[in-house]
Amino acid sequence: MPTAIEEVDKLLELSKIISISLRDTTGNKTGLWRTVKPVIDYAKCKNRGLKCGICRKFCPEPAILVDENGKVTIDYDHCKGCGVCSEECPLKAIEMRPDVETEE
């Protein structure tokens, strides 16, 4: 049976593998969110056929939707503009762009 120290060491190693950093990757402070919004480049996004959904898995809000065909869309009513989806997309198919609605 493993000792408590061995269990802690094992958990620390696992946390390195599965942890993510939920942060504002755009450099904006929380109060400034949604000065930018994610925009999907469907030419780069292979999700339609592969049903990847990595962006959806990492989104801290229910803002990324995947339809029955695997197409990804962003629900801007729920999106906070944090940039996690853009950061985690392995194909870099999501780009953070200025949110024109907030530029008044």
C-alpha atoms as a PDB file:
ATOM      1  CA  MET A   1       0.000   0.000   0.000  1.00  0.00           C
ATOM      2  CA  PRO A   2       1.439   3.416  -0.970  1.00  0.00           C
ATOM      3  CA  THR A   3       2.377   5.848   1.756  1.00  0.00           C
ATOM      4  CA  ALA A   4       0.696   9.227   2.079  1.00  0.00           C
ATOM      5  CA  ILE A   5       3.805  10.925   0.686  1.00  0.00           C
ATOM      6  CA  GLU A   6       3.792   8.626  -2.342  1.00  0.00           C
ATOM      7  CA  GLU A   7       0.118   9.400  -2.933  1.00  0.00           C
ATOM      8  CA  VAL A   8       0.771  13.145  -2.743  1.00  0.00           C
ATOM      9  CA  ASP A   9       3.673  12.827  -5.190  1.00  0.00           C
ATOM     10  CA  LYS A  10       1.445  10.869  -7.552  1.00  0.00           C
ATOM     11  CA  LEU A  11      -1.308  13.503  -7.328  1.00  0.00           C
ATOM     12  CA  LEU A  12       1.176  16.293  -7.992  1.00  0.00           C
ATOM     13  CA  GLU A  13       2.390  14.525 -11.131  1.00  0.00           C
ATOM     14  CA  LEU A  14      -1.187  13.976 -12.310  1.00  0.00           C
ATOM     15  CA  SER A  15      -2.068  17.610 -11.683  1.00  0.00           C
ATOM     16  CA  LYS A  16       0.730  18.667 -14.039  1.00  0.00           C
ATOM     17  CA  ILE A  17      -0.862  16.585 -16.768  1.00  0.00           C
ATOM     18  CA  ILE A  18      -4.497  17.559 -16.338  1.00  0.00           C
ATOM     19  CA  SER A  19      -4.350  21.096 -15.005  1.00  0.00           C
ATOM     20  CA  ILE A  20      -5.174  24.131 -17.066  1.00  0.00           C
ATOM     21  CA  SER A  21      -4.801  27.732 -16.200  1.00  0.00           C
ATOM     22  CA  LEU A  22      -8.109  29.559 -16.452  1.00  0.00           C
ATOM     23  CA  ARG A  23      -6.904  33.042 -17.037  1.00  0.00           C
ATOM     24  CA  ASP A  24      -7.532  35.960 -19.254  1.00  0.00           C
ATOM     25  CA  THR A  25      -5.071  35.176 -22.039  1.00  0.00           C
ATOM     26  CA  THR A  26      -5.760  38.473 -23.805  1.00  0.00           C
ATOM     27  CA  GLY A  27      -4.116  40.545 -21.075  1.00  0.00           C
ATOM     28  CA  ASN A  28      -7.371  42.311 -20.222  1.00  0.00           C
ATOM     29  CA  LYS A  29      -8.509  42.690 -16.637  1.00  0.00           C
ATOM     30  CA  THR A  30     -11.745  40.977 -15.642  1.00  0.00           C
ATOM     31  CA  GLY A  31     -13.700  44.227 -15.670  1.00  0.00           C
ATOM     32  CA  LEU A  32     -12.681  44.818 -19.265  1.00  0.00           C
ATOM     33  CA  TRP A  33     -13.818  41.476 -20.648  1.00  0.00           C
ATOM     34  CA  ARG A  34     -15.776  41.500 -23.849  1.00  0.00           C
ATOM     35  CA  THR A  35     -13.721  44.257 -25.307  1.00  0.00           C
ATOM     36  CA  VAL A  36     -12.653  41.327 -27.456  1.00  0.00           C
ATOM     37  CA  LYS A  37     -14.545  38.286 -28.673  1.00  0.00           C
ATOM     38  CA  PRO A  38     -13.576  34.933 -30.189  1.00  0.00           C
ATOM     39  CA  VAL A  39     -14.101  34.483 -33.917  1.00  0.00           C
ATOM     40  CA  ILE A  40     -13.839  31.030 -35.507  1.00  0.00           C
ATOM     41  CA  ASP A  41     -11.935  30.548 -38.762  1.00  0.00           C
ATOM     42  CA  TYR A  42     -13.873  27.621 -40.222  1.00  0.00           C
ATOM     43  CA  ALA A  43     -11.166  27.017 -42.836  1.00  0.00           C
ATOM     44  CA  LYS A  44      -8.828  26.093 -39.960  1.00  0.00           C
ATOM     45  CA  CYS A  45     -11.411  24.472 -37.671  1.00  0.00           C
ATOM     46  CA  LYS A  46     -11.506  20.768 -38.437  1.00  0.00           C
ATOM     47  CA  ASN A  47     -14.221  20.240 -35.842  1.00  0.00           C
ATOM     48  CA  ARG A  48     -17.008  19.809 -38.363  1.00  0.00           C
ATOM     49  CA  GLY A  49     -15.778  16.341 -39.329  1.00  0.00           C
ATOM     50  CA  LEU A  50     -13.685  15.305 -36.329  1.00  0.00           C
ATOM     51  CA  LYS A  51     -15.978  16.541 -33.578  1.00  0.00           C
ATOM     52  CA  CYS A  52     -12.936  17.849 -31.703  1.00  0.00           C
ATOM     53  CA  GLY A  53     -14.681  20.205 -29.253  1.00  0.00           C
ATOM     54  CA  ILE A  54     -11.536  21.052 -27.276  1.00  0.00           C
ATOM     55  CA  CYS A  55     -12.543  24.721 -27.201  1.00  0.00           C
ATOM     56  CA  ARG A  56     -15.893  23.749 -25.677  1.00  0.00           C
ATOM     57  CA  LYS A  57     -14.269  21.561 -23.032  1.00  0.00           C
ATOM     58  CA  PHE A  58     -12.066  24.408 -21.812  1.00  0.00           C
ATOM     59  CA  CYS A  59     -14.642  27.213 -21.972  1.00  0.00           C
ATOM     60  CA  PRO A  60     -15.430  28.320 -18.389  1.00  0.00           C
ATOM     61  CA  GLU A  61     -18.904  29.435 -19.525  1.00  0.00           C
ATOM     62  CA  PRO A  62     -21.502  27.543 -21.584  1.00  0.00           C
ATOM     63  CA  ALA A  63     -20.607  29.795 -24.521  1.00  0.00           C
ATOM     64  CA  ILE A  64     -19.367  27.306 -27.106  1.00  0.00           C
ATOM     65  CA  LEU A  65     -21.974  25.181 -28.810  1.00  0.00           C
ATOM     66  CA  VAL A  66     -21.433  22.131 -30.999  1.00  0.00           C
ATOM     67  CA  ASP A  67     -24.312  21.004 -33.216  1.00  0.00           C
ATOM     68  CA  GLU A  68     -25.160  17.434 -34.242  1.00  0.00           C
ATOM     69  CA  ASN A  69     -22.815  17.754 -37.240  1.00  0.00           C
ATOM     70  CA  GLY A  70     -19.921  18.850 -35.038  1.00  0.00           C
ATOM     71  CA  LYS A  71     -19.953  22.497 -36.145  1.00  0.00           C
ATOM     72  CA  VAL A  72     -18.778  24.883 -33.447  1.00  0.00           C
ATOM     73  CA  THR A  73     -20.501  28.213 -32.831  1.00  0.00           C
ATOM     74  CA  ILE A  74     -20.082  30.798 -30.112  1.00  0.00           C
ATOM     75  CA  ASP A  75     -22.993  32.036 -28.026  1.00  0.00           C
ATOM     76  CA  TYR A  76     -21.980  35.666 -27.541  1.00  0.00           C
ATOM     77  CA  ASP A  77     -24.734  36.132 -24.952  1.00  0.00           C
ATOM     78  CA  HIS A  78     -22.713  33.902 -22.607  1.00  0.00           C
ATOM     79  CA  CYS A  79     -19.158  34.561 -23.818  1.00  0.00           C
ATOM     80  CA  LYS A  80     -17.047  36.627 -21.408  1.00  0.00           C
ATOM     81  CA  GLY A  81     -14.196  37.177 -23.875  1.00  0.00           C
ATOM     82  CA  CYS A  82     -11.604  35.485 -21.660  1.00  0.00           C
ATOM     83  CA  GLY A  83      -9.689  33.922 -24.571  1.00  0.00           C
ATOM     84  CA  VAL A  84      -9.321  30.426 -23.127  1.00  0.00           C
ATOM     85  CA  CYS A  85     -10.934  28.856 -26.213  1.00  0.00           C
ATOM     86  CA  SER A  86      -8.471  30.666 -28.470  1.00  0.00           C
ATOM     87  CA  GLU A  87      -5.524  29.639 -26.328  1.00  0.00           C
ATOM     88  CA  GLU A  88      -6.528  25.971 -26.146  1.00  0.00           C
ATOM     89  CA  CYS A  89      -7.519  25.396 -29.794  1.00  0.00           C
ATOM     90  CA  PRO A  90      -4.815  23.090 -31.188  1.00  0.00           C
ATOM     91  CA  LEU A  91      -5.366  24.410 -34.729  1.00  0.00           C
ATOM     92  CA  LYS A  92      -5.416  28.096 -33.706  1.00  0.00           C
ATOM     93  CA  ALA A  93      -8.774  28.393 -35.451  1.00  0.00           C
ATOM     94  CA  ILE A  94     -10.140  30.873 -32.903  1.00  0.00           C
ATOM     95  CA  GLU A  95      -8.850  34.423 -32.928  1.00  0.00           C
ATOM     96  CA  MET A  96      -9.679  37.096 -30.383  1.00  0.00           C
ATOM     97  CA  ARG A  97     -10.847  40.260 -32.156  1.00  0.00           C
ATOM     98  CA  PRO A  98     -12.177  43.596 -30.937  1.00  0.00           C
ATOM     99  CA  ASP A  99     -15.836  43.430 -29.997  1.00  0.00           C
ATOM    100  CA  VAL A 100     -17.299  46.289 -32.015  1.00  0.00           C
ATOM    101  CA  GLU A 101     -20.353  46.460 -29.737  1.00  0.00           C
ATOM    102  CA  THR A 102     -18.098  47.534 -26.846  1.00  0.00           C
ATOM    103  CA  GLU A 103     -16.111  50.145 -28.785  1.00  0.00           C
ATOM    104  CA  GLU A 104     -18.661  52.959 -28.392  1.00  0.00           C
END
